[in-house]
């Protein structure tokens, strides 16, 4: 494990003990990592830094490890490095061997028994290395009001299955599907998605009331950010996200980790587009990337303060 990191499970235990959640923020280059790390320092809150397989392919695993090794130096708050949506054992093993302190194996689209088998393989290897494991049960999708009950039941996390899945795999945290969706368009036209809070409560209780749960696809898709992007050459349409009050209600009902990616991308692009438009004669890319980093940092601070409020649960 990279020196200075802590296992993801340790941060989630902190969240559970404080009846709250922690933010898990994706990064894809140096500036986005710096924005989140500085936000974590400013708020002095435990934070999970995460990358997807595609981000690793873009950056190179060696660069991810090198940047994180620098980022954790002198950090006063707890930080974890997490693989987001690892698709198979090999990619999880590669990240564990490279020094990640947490990985997610996402085989939620597979049949239940195969999901259990694949997840268990990752857990057994991760535990030998002191690394935490997150897995997913159910599938995130765009849910319309007229969806059939049978289809909804097949997509959303089943509380009874969740209990068996956790018992069989020995994972450290479970990502649940209760109506969120990845990307900038999370609901029906002009309407945010309706989250199944009662299902979330049943899942939490089925797992004993303390087991850490994860909410993916939780970005608000701030209209001010999309408007700012579009005012300066963007074309982001039909963007709608999760209301802040719904995120807080999910935390009250037992969510301990909230994943944010789309919001940070929007903030970064808003800062970048605004700078390019304001200073079209500037060839120094540091000026433009610095403006993007600053905009993302401001938004990351806001999200951490929203998510990490002791006593919510």
C-alpha atoms as a PDB file:
ATOM      1  CA  UNK A   1       0.000   0.000   0.000  1.00  0.00           C
ATOM      2  CA  UNK A   2       1.302   3.479  -0.855  1.00  0.00           C
ATOM      3  CA  UNK A   3       2.799   5.103   2.243  1.00  0.00           C
ATOM      4  CA  UNK A   4       0.390   7.574   3.805  1.00  0.00           C
ATOM      5  CA  UNK A   5      -2.824   5.990   2.542  1.00  0.00           C
ATOM      6  CA  UNK A   6      -5.345   4.235   4.763  1.00  0.00           C
ATOM      7  CA  UNK A   7      -7.718   1.407   3.807  1.00  0.00           C
ATOM      8  CA  UNK A   8     -11.069   2.568   2.496  1.00  0.00           C
ATOM      9  CA  UNK A   9     -12.779   0.541   5.238  1.00  0.00           C
ATOM     10  CA  UNK A  10     -11.090   2.680   7.896  1.00  0.00           C
ATOM     11  CA  UNK A  11     -12.571   5.838   6.417  1.00  0.00           C
ATOM     12  CA  UNK A  12     -15.995   4.219   6.158  1.00  0.00           C
ATOM     13  CA  UNK A  13     -15.815   3.159   9.807  1.00  0.00           C
ATOM     14  CA  UNK A  14     -15.152   6.793  10.671  1.00  0.00           C
ATOM     15  CA  UNK A  15     -18.240   7.762   8.683  1.00  0.00           C
ATOM     16  CA  UNK A  16     -20.349   5.159  10.448  1.00  0.00           C
ATOM     17  CA  UNK A  17     -19.110   6.160  13.904  1.00  0.00           C
ATOM     18  CA  UNK A  18     -19.994   9.787  13.122  1.00  0.00           C
ATOM     19  CA  UNK A  19     -23.354   8.922  11.520  1.00  0.00           C
ATOM     20  CA  UNK A  20     -22.397  10.559   8.264  1.00  0.00           C
ATOM     21  CA  UNK A  21     -20.795   9.874   4.886  1.00  0.00           C
ATOM     22  CA  UNK A  22     -17.556  10.699   3.116  1.00  0.00           C
ATOM     23  CA  UNK A  23     -17.039  11.984  -0.394  1.00  0.00           C
ATOM     24  CA  UNK A  24     -15.386   9.798  -3.015  1.00  0.00           C
ATOM     25  CA  UNK A  25     -14.114  11.949  -5.874  1.00  0.00           C
ATOM     26  CA  UNK A  26     -12.842  10.846  -9.271  1.00  0.00           C
ATOM     27  CA  UNK A  27      -9.766  12.386 -10.847  1.00  0.00           C
ATOM     28  CA  UNK A  28      -8.324  11.963 -14.328  1.00  0.00           C
ATOM     29  CA  UNK A  29      -5.250  14.231 -14.477  1.00  0.00           C
ATOM     30  CA  UNK A  30      -2.906  16.193 -12.225  1.00  0.00           C
ATOM     31  CA  UNK A  31      -5.109  19.269 -11.900  1.00  0.00           C
ATOM     32  CA  UNK A  32      -8.249  17.330 -10.981  1.00  0.00           C
ATOM     33  CA  UNK A  33      -6.309  15.395  -8.343  1.00  0.00           C
ATOM     34  CA  UNK A  34      -4.857  18.611  -6.923  1.00  0.00           C
ATOM     35  CA  UNK A  35      -8.307  20.202  -6.768  1.00  0.00           C
ATOM     36  CA  UNK A  36      -9.727  17.353  -4.697  1.00  0.00           C
ATOM     37  CA  UNK A  37      -6.701  16.917  -2.438  1.00  0.00           C
ATOM     38  CA  UNK A  38      -6.655  20.643  -1.624  1.00  0.00           C
ATOM     39  CA  UNK A  39     -10.402  20.552  -0.919  1.00  0.00           C
ATOM     40  CA  UNK A  40      -9.812  17.661   1.452  1.00  0.00           C
ATOM     41  CA  UNK A  41      -7.090  19.628   3.234  1.00  0.00           C
ATOM     42  CA  UNK A  42      -9.223  22.765   3.437  1.00  0.00           C
ATOM     43  CA  UNK A  43     -12.097  20.898   5.046  1.00  0.00           C
ATOM     44  CA  UNK A  44      -9.875  18.542   7.067  1.00  0.00           C
ATOM     45  CA  UNK A  45     -12.203  15.656   6.217  1.00  0.00           C
ATOM     46  CA  UNK A  46     -11.353  12.054   5.394  1.00  0.00           C
ATOM     47  CA  UNK A  47     -11.619  11.654   1.636  1.00  0.00           C
ATOM     48  CA  UNK A  48     -11.534   8.857  -0.912  1.00  0.00           C
ATOM     49  CA  UNK A  49      -9.682   9.585  -4.158  1.00  0.00           C
ATOM     50  CA  UNK A  50     -10.694   7.305  -6.985  1.00  0.00           C
ATOM     51  CA  UNK A  51      -9.913   6.449 -10.582  1.00  0.00           C
ATOM     52  CA  UNK A  52     -11.705   4.317 -13.129  1.00  0.00           C
ATOM     53  CA  UNK A  53     -10.084   1.838 -15.476  1.00  0.00           C
ATOM     54  CA  UNK A  54     -10.396   4.348 -18.315  1.00  0.00           C
ATOM     55  CA  UNK A  55      -8.669   7.024 -16.225  1.00  0.00           C
ATOM     56  CA  UNK A  56      -5.853   4.579 -15.476  1.00  0.00           C
ATOM     57  CA  UNK A  57      -5.549   3.782 -19.169  1.00  0.00           C
ATOM     58  CA  UNK A  58      -5.388   7.504 -19.931  1.00  0.00           C
ATOM     59  CA  UNK A  59      -2.893   8.452 -17.222  1.00  0.00           C
ATOM     60  CA  UNK A  60      -0.876   5.274 -16.883  1.00  0.00           C
ATOM     61  CA  UNK A  61      -0.912   3.372 -13.590  1.00  0.00           C
ATOM     62  CA  UNK A  62       2.639   4.449 -12.768  1.00  0.00           C
ATOM     63  CA  UNK A  63       1.670   8.111 -13.031  1.00  0.00           C
ATOM     64  CA  UNK A  64      -1.378   7.551 -10.789  1.00  0.00           C
ATOM     65  CA  UNK A  65       0.825   5.977  -8.126  1.00  0.00           C
ATOM     66  CA  UNK A  66       3.479   8.688  -8.411  1.00  0.00           C
ATOM     67  CA  UNK A  67       0.957  11.536  -8.134  1.00  0.00           C
ATOM     68  CA  UNK A  68      -0.786   9.958  -5.148  1.00  0.00           C
ATOM     69  CA  UNK A  69       2.550   9.347  -3.421  1.00  0.00           C
ATOM     70  CA  UNK A  70       3.192  13.091  -3.582  1.00  0.00           C
ATOM     71  CA  UNK A  71      -0.377  14.057  -2.708  1.00  0.00           C
ATOM     72  CA  UNK A  72      -0.428  12.165   0.597  1.00  0.00           C
ATOM     73  CA  UNK A  73       2.839  13.640   1.849  1.00  0.00           C
ATOM     74  CA  UNK A  74       2.100  15.729   4.922  1.00  0.00           C
ATOM     75  CA  UNK A  75      -1.639  15.093   4.746  1.00  0.00           C
ATOM     76  CA  UNK A  76      -3.228  15.567   8.159  1.00  0.00           C
ATOM     77  CA  UNK A  77      -6.518  13.926   7.218  1.00  0.00           C
ATOM     78  CA  UNK A  78      -7.095  10.335   6.145  1.00  0.00           C
ATOM     79  CA  UNK A  79      -6.936   9.596   2.417  1.00  0.00           C
ATOM     80  CA  UNK A  80      -7.660   6.406   0.498  1.00  0.00           C
ATOM     81  CA  UNK A  81      -6.973   5.557  -3.143  1.00  0.00           C
ATOM     82  CA  UNK A  82      -9.805   3.552  -4.678  1.00  0.00           C
ATOM     83  CA  UNK A  83     -10.335   1.763  -7.979  1.00  0.00           C
ATOM     84  CA  UNK A  84     -13.820   2.707  -9.169  1.00  0.00           C
ATOM     85  CA  UNK A  85     -15.770   0.047 -11.122  1.00  0.00           C
ATOM     86  CA  UNK A  86     -13.031  -2.502 -11.642  1.00  0.00           C
ATOM     87  CA  UNK A  87     -14.362  -4.990 -14.174  1.00  0.00           C
ATOM     88  CA  UNK A  88     -12.396  -8.109 -13.293  1.00  0.00           C
ATOM     89  CA  UNK A  89      -9.905  -9.759 -10.968  1.00  0.00           C
ATOM     90  CA  UNK A  90      -6.878  -8.870 -13.074  1.00  0.00           C
ATOM     91  CA  UNK A  91      -7.416  -5.106 -12.988  1.00  0.00           C
ATOM     92  CA  UNK A  92      -8.168  -5.229  -9.251  1.00  0.00           C
ATOM     93  CA  UNK A  93      -5.008  -7.252  -8.608  1.00  0.00           C
ATOM     94  CA  UNK A  94      -2.961  -4.826 -10.693  1.00  0.00           C
ATOM     95  CA  UNK A  95      -4.180  -1.892  -8.602  1.00  0.00           C
ATOM     96  CA  UNK A  96      -3.695  -3.730  -5.314  1.00  0.00           C
ATOM     97  CA  UNK A  97      -0.142  -4.639  -6.294  1.00  0.00           C
ATOM     98  CA  UNK A  98       0.504  -1.000  -7.294  1.00  0.00           C
ATOM     99  CA  UNK A  99      -0.445   0.273  -3.829  1.00  0.00           C
ATOM    100  CA  UNK A 100      -4.141   1.153  -3.909  1.00  0.00           C
ATOM    101  CA  UNK A 101      -5.811   0.964  -0.504  1.00  0.00           C
ATOM    102  CA  UNK A 102      -9.282   0.106  -1.820  1.00  0.00           C
ATOM    103  CA  UNK A 103     -10.779  -1.475  -4.937  1.00  0.00           C
ATOM    104  CA  UNK A 104     -14.235  -1.994  -6.363  1.00  0.00           C
ATOM    105  CA  UNK A 105     -15.101  -5.114  -8.289  1.00  0.00           C
ATOM    106  CA  UNK A 106     -18.262  -4.395 -10.262  1.00  0.00           C
ATOM    107  CA  UNK A 107     -19.817  -7.527 -11.719  1.00  0.00           C
ATOM    108  CA  UNK A 108     -23.349  -6.400 -10.939  1.00  0.00           C
ATOM    109  CA  UNK A 109     -24.551  -7.154 -14.474  1.00  0.00           C
ATOM    110  CA  UNK A 110     -23.624 -10.816 -14.088  1.00  0.00           C
ATOM    111  CA  UNK A 111     -25.820 -13.539 -12.637  1.00  0.00           C
ATOM    112  CA  UNK A 112     -25.863 -13.499  -8.812  1.00  0.00           C
ATOM    113  CA  UNK A 113     -23.753 -16.631  -8.263  1.00  0.00           C
ATOM    114  CA  UNK A 114     -21.115 -15.472 -10.732  1.00  0.00           C
ATOM    115  CA  UNK A 115     -21.024 -12.023  -9.116  1.00  0.00           C
ATOM    116  CA  UNK A 116     -20.453 -13.724  -5.752  1.00  0.00           C
ATOM    117  CA  UNK A 117     -17.714 -15.973  -7.118  1.00  0.00           C
ATOM    118  CA  UNK A 118     -15.829 -13.174  -8.895  1.00  0.00           C
ATOM    119  CA  UNK A 119     -16.154 -10.797  -5.953  1.00  0.00           C
ATOM    120  CA  UNK A 120     -14.967 -13.422  -3.477  1.00  0.00           C
ATOM    121  CA  UNK A 121     -11.828 -13.999  -5.547  1.00  0.00           C
ATOM    122  CA  UNK A 122     -10.984 -10.291  -5.331  1.00  0.00           C
ATOM    123  CA  UNK A 123     -11.756 -10.133  -1.605  1.00  0.00           C
ATOM    124  CA  UNK A 124      -9.480 -13.066  -0.806  1.00  0.00           C
ATOM    125  CA  UNK A 125      -6.543 -11.453  -2.629  1.00  0.00           C
ATOM    126  CA  UNK A 126      -7.233  -7.960  -1.275  1.00  0.00           C
ATOM    127  CA  UNK A 127      -7.407  -9.088   2.351  1.00  0.00           C
ATOM    128  CA  UNK A 128      -3.939 -10.633   2.077  1.00  0.00           C
ATOM    129  CA  UNK A 129      -2.694  -7.136   1.257  1.00  0.00           C
ATOM    130  CA  UNK A 130      -4.750  -5.134   3.752  1.00  0.00           C
ATOM    131  CA  UNK A 131      -6.881  -3.621   0.981  1.00  0.00           C
ATOM    132  CA  UNK A 132     -10.622  -2.914   1.243  1.00  0.00           C
ATOM    133  CA  UNK A 133     -13.183  -4.130  -1.286  1.00  0.00           C
ATOM    134  CA  UNK A 134     -16.415  -2.574  -2.518  1.00  0.00           C
ATOM    135  CA  UNK A 135     -18.845  -4.447  -4.760  1.00  0.00           C
ATOM    136  CA  UNK A 136     -22.205  -3.700  -6.344  1.00  0.00           C
ATOM    137  CA  UNK A 137     -25.538  -5.480  -6.361  1.00  0.00           C
ATOM    138  CA  UNK A 138     -28.262  -4.228  -8.686  1.00  0.00           C
ATOM    139  CA  UNK A 139     -27.663  -2.017 -11.702  1.00  0.00           C
ATOM    140  CA  UNK A 140     -27.678   1.757 -12.096  1.00  0.00           C
ATOM    141  CA  UNK A 141     -29.934   2.900 -14.910  1.00  0.00           C
ATOM    142  CA  UNK A 142     -32.242   5.719 -15.944  1.00  0.00           C
ATOM    143  CA  UNK A 143     -35.550   4.959 -14.307  1.00  0.00           C
ATOM    144  CA  UNK A 144     -38.763   6.343 -15.761  1.00  0.00           C
ATOM    145  CA  UNK A 145     -41.983   6.603 -13.779  1.00  0.00           C
ATOM    146  CA  UNK A 146     -43.743   4.116 -16.071  1.00  0.00           C
ATOM    147  CA  UNK A 147     -41.180   1.326 -15.578  1.00  0.00           C
ATOM    148  CA  UNK A 148     -42.767  -2.033 -14.762  1.00  0.00           C
ATOM    149  CA  UNK A 149     -42.466  -3.306 -11.199  1.00  0.00           C
ATOM    150  CA  UNK A 150     -40.846  -6.538 -12.354  1.00  0.00           C
ATOM    151  CA  UNK A 151     -38.147  -4.661 -14.274  1.00  0.00           C
ATOM    152  CA  UNK A 152     -37.623  -2.250 -11.403  1.00  0.00           C
ATOM    153  CA  UNK A 153     -37.152  -5.156  -9.030  1.00  0.00           C
ATOM    154  CA  UNK A 154     -34.568  -6.685 -11.365  1.00  0.00           C
ATOM    155  CA  UNK A 155     -32.594  -3.433 -11.553  1.00  0.00           C
ATOM    156  CA  UNK A 156     -32.795  -2.243  -7.962  1.00  0.00           C
ATOM    157  CA  UNK A 157     -30.859  -3.900  -5.130  1.00  0.00           C
ATOM    158  CA  UNK A 158     -32.848  -6.614  -3.378  1.00  0.00           C
ATOM    159  CA  UNK A 159     -32.445  -6.384   0.438  1.00  0.00           C
ATOM    160  CA  UNK A 160     -32.524 -10.154   0.961  1.00  0.00           C
ATOM    161  CA  UNK A 161     -29.984 -10.732  -1.795  1.00  0.00           C
ATOM    162  CA  UNK A 162     -27.833  -7.979  -0.323  1.00  0.00           C
ATOM    163  CA  UNK A 163     -27.641  -9.801   2.996  1.00  0.00           C
ATOM    164  CA  UNK A 164     -26.608 -13.063   1.366  1.00  0.00           C
ATOM    165  CA  UNK A 165     -24.156 -11.311  -0.956  1.00  0.00           C
ATOM    166  CA  UNK A 166     -22.335  -9.598   1.902  1.00  0.00           C
ATOM    167  CA  UNK A 167     -22.259 -12.788   3.982  1.00  0.00           C
ATOM    168  CA  UNK A 168     -20.925 -14.886   1.101  1.00  0.00           C
ATOM    169  CA  UNK A 169     -18.305 -12.453  -0.224  1.00  0.00           C
ATOM    170  CA  UNK A 170     -17.056 -10.762   2.972  1.00  0.00           C
ATOM    171  CA  UNK A 171     -16.825  -7.382   1.200  1.00  0.00           C
ATOM    172  CA  UNK A 172     -16.229  -4.176   3.176  1.00  0.00           C
ATOM    173  CA  UNK A 173     -18.897  -2.017   1.508  1.00  0.00           C
ATOM    174  CA  UNK A 174     -21.800  -2.416  -0.894  1.00  0.00           C
ATOM    175  CA  UNK A 175     -22.869  -0.097  -3.703  1.00  0.00           C
ATOM    176  CA  UNK A 176     -26.660  -0.124  -3.944  1.00  0.00           C
ATOM    177  CA  UNK A 177     -28.992   0.668  -6.823  1.00  0.00           C
ATOM    178  CA  UNK A 178     -31.954   2.722  -5.595  1.00  0.00           C
ATOM    179  CA  UNK A 179     -32.658   4.933  -8.616  1.00  0.00           C
ATOM    180  CA  UNK A 180     -29.481   6.909  -9.280  1.00  0.00           C
ATOM    181  CA  UNK A 181     -27.696   6.945 -12.621  1.00  0.00           C
ATOM    182  CA  UNK A 182     -24.232   7.773 -13.898  1.00  0.00           C
ATOM    183  CA  UNK A 183     -23.681  10.777 -16.150  1.00  0.00           C
ATOM    184  CA  UNK A 184     -25.297  14.220 -16.519  1.00  0.00           C
ATOM    185  CA  UNK A 185     -28.836  13.041 -17.306  1.00  0.00           C
ATOM    186  CA  UNK A 186     -30.097  11.213 -14.247  1.00  0.00           C
ATOM    187  CA  UNK A 187     -33.857  11.581 -14.556  1.00  0.00           C
ATOM    188  CA  UNK A 188     -36.837  12.027 -16.796  1.00  0.00           C
ATOM    189  CA  UNK A 189     -37.008  15.279 -18.812  1.00  0.00           C
ATOM    190  CA  UNK A 190     -37.125  18.246 -16.412  1.00  0.00           C
ATOM    191  CA  UNK A 191     -37.506  15.979 -13.383  1.00  0.00           C
ATOM    192  CA  UNK A 192     -34.869  14.550 -11.041  1.00  0.00           C
ATOM    193  CA  UNK A 193     -34.991  10.820 -10.325  1.00  0.00           C
ATOM    194  CA  UNK A 194     -37.078   9.459  -7.480  1.00  0.00           C
ATOM    195  CA  UNK A 195     -34.871   7.543  -5.095  1.00  0.00           C
ATOM    196  CA  UNK A 196     -36.297   4.501  -3.343  1.00  0.00           C
ATOM    197  CA  UNK A 197     -35.488   5.504   0.233  1.00  0.00           C
ATOM    198  CA  UNK A 198     -37.633   2.783   1.773  1.00  0.00           C
ATOM    199  CA  UNK A 199     -35.620   0.172  -0.112  1.00  0.00           C
ATOM    200  CA  UNK A 200     -32.418   1.781   1.159  1.00  0.00           C
ATOM    201  CA  UNK A 201     -33.685   1.526   4.736  1.00  0.00           C
ATOM    202  CA  UNK A 202     -34.586  -2.142   4.243  1.00  0.00           C
ATOM    203  CA  UNK A 203     -31.131  -2.876   2.835  1.00  0.00           C
ATOM    204  CA  UNK A 204     -29.411  -1.153   5.767  1.00  0.00           C
ATOM    205  CA  UNK A 205     -31.520  -3.052   8.292  1.00  0.00           C
ATOM    206  CA  UNK A 206     -31.016  -6.370   6.478  1.00  0.00           C
ATOM    207  CA  UNK A 207     -27.263  -5.841   6.901  1.00  0.00           C
ATOM    208  CA  UNK A 208     -27.547  -5.111  10.606  1.00  0.00           C
ATOM    209  CA  UNK A 209     -27.736  -1.328  10.545  1.00  0.00           C
ATOM    210  CA  UNK A 210     -24.002  -0.660  10.507  1.00  0.00           C
ATOM    211  CA  UNK A 211     -22.649  -2.104   7.267  1.00  0.00           C
ATOM    212  CA  UNK A 212     -21.258   0.647   4.961  1.00  0.00           C
ATOM    213  CA  UNK A 213     -23.368   1.424   1.892  1.00  0.00           C
ATOM    214  CA  UNK A 214     -22.285   3.403  -1.174  1.00  0.00           C
ATOM    215  CA  UNK A 215     -24.307   5.736  -3.400  1.00  0.00           C
ATOM    216  CA  UNK A 216     -23.051   5.975  -6.982  1.00  0.00           C
ATOM    217  CA  UNK A 217     -24.281   8.512  -9.527  1.00  0.00           C
ATOM    218  CA  UNK A 218     -24.907  11.136  -6.847  1.00  0.00           C
ATOM    219  CA  UNK A 219     -23.886  14.346  -8.667  1.00  0.00           C
ATOM    220  CA  UNK A 220     -26.271  17.289  -8.550  1.00  0.00           C
ATOM    221  CA  UNK A 221     -25.437  18.381 -12.133  1.00  0.00           C
ATOM    222  CA  UNK A 222     -25.585  22.026 -11.052  1.00  0.00           C
ATOM    223  CA  UNK A 223     -27.502  24.107 -13.595  1.00  0.00           C
ATOM    224  CA  UNK A 224     -25.206  27.083 -12.964  1.00  0.00           C
ATOM    225  CA  UNK A 225     -22.247  25.014 -14.102  1.00  0.00           C
ATOM    226  CA  UNK A 226     -23.972  23.674 -17.211  1.00  0.00           C
ATOM    227  CA  UNK A 227     -25.117  27.196 -18.102  1.00  0.00           C
ATOM    228  CA  UNK A 228     -21.592  28.524 -17.629  1.00  0.00           C
ATOM    229  CA  UNK A 229     -20.233  25.785 -19.901  1.00  0.00           C
ATOM    230  CA  UNK A 230     -22.876  26.443 -22.547  1.00  0.00           C
ATOM    231  CA  UNK A 231     -22.338  30.205 -22.429  1.00  0.00           C
ATOM    232  CA  UNK A 232     -18.728  29.621 -23.458  1.00  0.00           C
ATOM    233  CA  UNK A 233     -19.130  27.143 -26.284  1.00  0.00           C
ATOM    234  CA  UNK A 234     -20.449  24.026 -24.570  1.00  0.00           C
ATOM    235  CA  UNK A 235     -23.502  22.041 -25.601  1.00  0.00           C
ATOM    236  CA  UNK A 236     -24.631  20.145 -22.510  1.00  0.00           C
ATOM    237  CA  UNK A 237     -28.294  19.265 -22.949  1.00  0.00           C
ATOM    238  CA  UNK A 238     -30.938  17.545 -20.784  1.00  0.00           C
ATOM    239  CA  UNK A 239     -28.673  17.700 -17.742  1.00  0.00           C
ATOM    240  CA  UNK A 240     -30.375  16.963 -14.436  1.00  0.00           C
ATOM    241  CA  UNK A 241     -29.033  15.417 -11.262  1.00  0.00           C
ATOM    242  CA  UNK A 242     -29.689  14.400  -7.674  1.00  0.00           C
ATOM    243  CA  UNK A 243     -31.065  17.052  -5.329  1.00  0.00           C
ATOM    244  CA  UNK A 244     -28.910  17.910  -2.319  1.00  0.00           C
ATOM    245  CA  UNK A 245     -31.772  17.096   0.033  1.00  0.00           C
ATOM    246  CA  UNK A 246     -32.041  13.625  -1.505  1.00  0.00           C
ATOM    247  CA  UNK A 247     -28.332  13.009  -0.931  1.00  0.00           C
ATOM    248  CA  UNK A 248     -28.740  14.071   2.704  1.00  0.00           C
ATOM    249  CA  UNK A 249     -31.782  11.825   3.129  1.00  0.00           C
ATOM    250  CA  UNK A 250     -29.810   8.902   1.685  1.00  0.00           C
ATOM    251  CA  UNK A 251     -27.055   9.573   4.230  1.00  0.00           C
ATOM    252  CA  UNK A 252     -29.613   9.705   7.032  1.00  0.00           C
ATOM    253  CA  UNK A 253     -30.841   6.296   5.932  1.00  0.00           C
ATOM    254  CA  UNK A 254     -27.432   4.700   5.955  1.00  0.00           C
ATOM    255  CA  UNK A 255     -25.264   5.747   2.996  1.00  0.00           C
ATOM    256  CA  UNK A 256     -21.634   6.166   4.143  1.00  0.00           C
ATOM    257  CA  UNK A 257     -19.854   6.874   0.838  1.00  0.00           C
ATOM    258  CA  UNK A 258     -21.100   9.260  -1.853  1.00  0.00           C
ATOM    259  CA  UNK A 259     -19.462   9.099  -5.283  1.00  0.00           C
ATOM    260  CA  UNK A 260     -19.077  12.365  -7.199  1.00  0.00           C
ATOM    261  CA  UNK A 261     -17.657  12.611 -10.716  1.00  0.00           C
ATOM    262  CA  UNK A 262     -19.973  14.474 -13.123  1.00  0.00           C
ATOM    263  CA  UNK A 263     -20.180  17.560 -10.895  1.00  0.00           C
ATOM    264  CA  UNK A 264     -16.403  17.857 -10.759  1.00  0.00           C
ATOM    265  CA  UNK A 265     -16.074  17.450 -14.517  1.00  0.00           C
ATOM    266  CA  UNK A 266     -18.642  20.199 -15.020  1.00  0.00           C
ATOM    267  CA  UNK A 267     -16.872  22.529 -12.604  1.00  0.00           C
ATOM    268  CA  UNK A 268     -13.514  21.902 -14.270  1.00  0.00           C
ATOM    269  CA  UNK A 269     -14.900  22.465 -17.764  1.00  0.00           C
ATOM    270  CA  UNK A 270     -16.775  25.586 -16.645  1.00  0.00           C
ATOM    271  CA  UNK A 271     -13.549  27.097 -15.303  1.00  0.00           C
ATOM    272  CA  UNK A 272     -11.591  26.069 -18.366  1.00  0.00           C
ATOM    273  CA  UNK A 273     -14.102  27.376 -20.919  1.00  0.00           C
ATOM    274  CA  UNK A 274     -14.497  30.643 -19.048  1.00  0.00           C
ATOM    275  CA  UNK A 275     -10.737  31.188 -18.957  1.00  0.00           C
ATOM    276  CA  UNK A 276     -10.301  30.362 -22.636  1.00  0.00           C
ATOM    277  CA  UNK A 277     -13.046  32.822 -23.537  1.00  0.00           C
ATOM    278  CA  UNK A 278     -11.756  35.549 -21.228  1.00  0.00           C
ATOM    279  CA  UNK A 279      -8.122  35.240 -22.272  1.00  0.00           C
ATOM    280  CA  UNK A 280      -8.163  34.045 -25.901  1.00  0.00           C
ATOM    281  CA  UNK A 281      -4.687  35.501 -26.453  1.00  0.00           C
ATOM    282  CA  UNK A 282      -3.026  33.522 -23.653  1.00  0.00           C
ATOM    283  CA  UNK A 283      -0.898  30.620 -24.818  1.00  0.00           C
ATOM    284  CA  UNK A 284       0.184  29.619 -21.306  1.00  0.00           C
ATOM    285  CA  UNK A 285      -1.929  26.517 -20.676  1.00  0.00           C
ATOM    286  CA  UNK A 286      -1.104  26.723 -16.974  1.00  0.00           C
ATOM    287  CA  UNK A 287      -3.272  29.822 -16.689  1.00  0.00           C
ATOM    288  CA  UNK A 288      -6.275  28.044 -18.201  1.00  0.00           C
ATOM    289  CA  UNK A 289      -5.752  24.758 -16.394  1.00  0.00           C
ATOM    290  CA  UNK A 290      -5.188  26.655 -13.151  1.00  0.00           C
ATOM    291  CA  UNK A 291      -8.540  28.401 -13.542  1.00  0.00           C
ATOM    292  CA  UNK A 292     -10.212  25.048 -14.165  1.00  0.00           C
ATOM    293  CA  UNK A 293      -8.531  23.565 -11.097  1.00  0.00           C
ATOM    294  CA  UNK A 294      -9.665  26.480  -8.944  1.00  0.00           C
ATOM    295  CA  UNK A 295     -13.299  26.147 -10.073  1.00  0.00           C
ATOM    296  CA  UNK A 296     -13.236  22.426  -9.369  1.00  0.00           C
ATOM    297  CA  UNK A 297     -11.628  22.969  -5.965  1.00  0.00           C
ATOM    298  CA  UNK A 298     -14.371  25.390  -4.918  1.00  0.00           C
ATOM    299  CA  UNK A 299     -17.035  22.894  -5.916  1.00  0.00           C
ATOM    300  CA  UNK A 300     -15.252  19.974  -4.233  1.00  0.00           C
ATOM    301  CA  UNK A 301     -15.136  21.941  -0.966  1.00  0.00           C
ATOM    302  CA  UNK A 302     -18.862  22.553  -1.267  1.00  0.00           C
ATOM    303  CA  UNK A 303     -19.578  18.865  -1.854  1.00  0.00           C
ATOM    304  CA  UNK A 304     -17.401  17.723   1.048  1.00  0.00           C
ATOM    305  CA  UNK A 305     -19.162  20.128   3.406  1.00  0.00           C
ATOM    306  CA  UNK A 306     -22.536  18.865   2.195  1.00  0.00           C
ATOM    307  CA  UNK A 307     -21.693  15.175   2.455  1.00  0.00           C
ATOM    308  CA  UNK A 308     -19.523  15.081   5.572  1.00  0.00           C
ATOM    309  CA  UNK A 309     -21.807  16.512   8.241  1.00  0.00           C
ATOM    310  CA  UNK A 310     -21.497  14.563  11.541  1.00  0.00           C
ATOM    311  CA  UNK A 311     -24.753  13.418  13.065  1.00  0.00           C
ATOM    312  CA  UNK A 312     -26.774  13.064   9.849  1.00  0.00           C
ATOM    313  CA  UNK A 313     -27.513   9.379  10.241  1.00  0.00           C
END
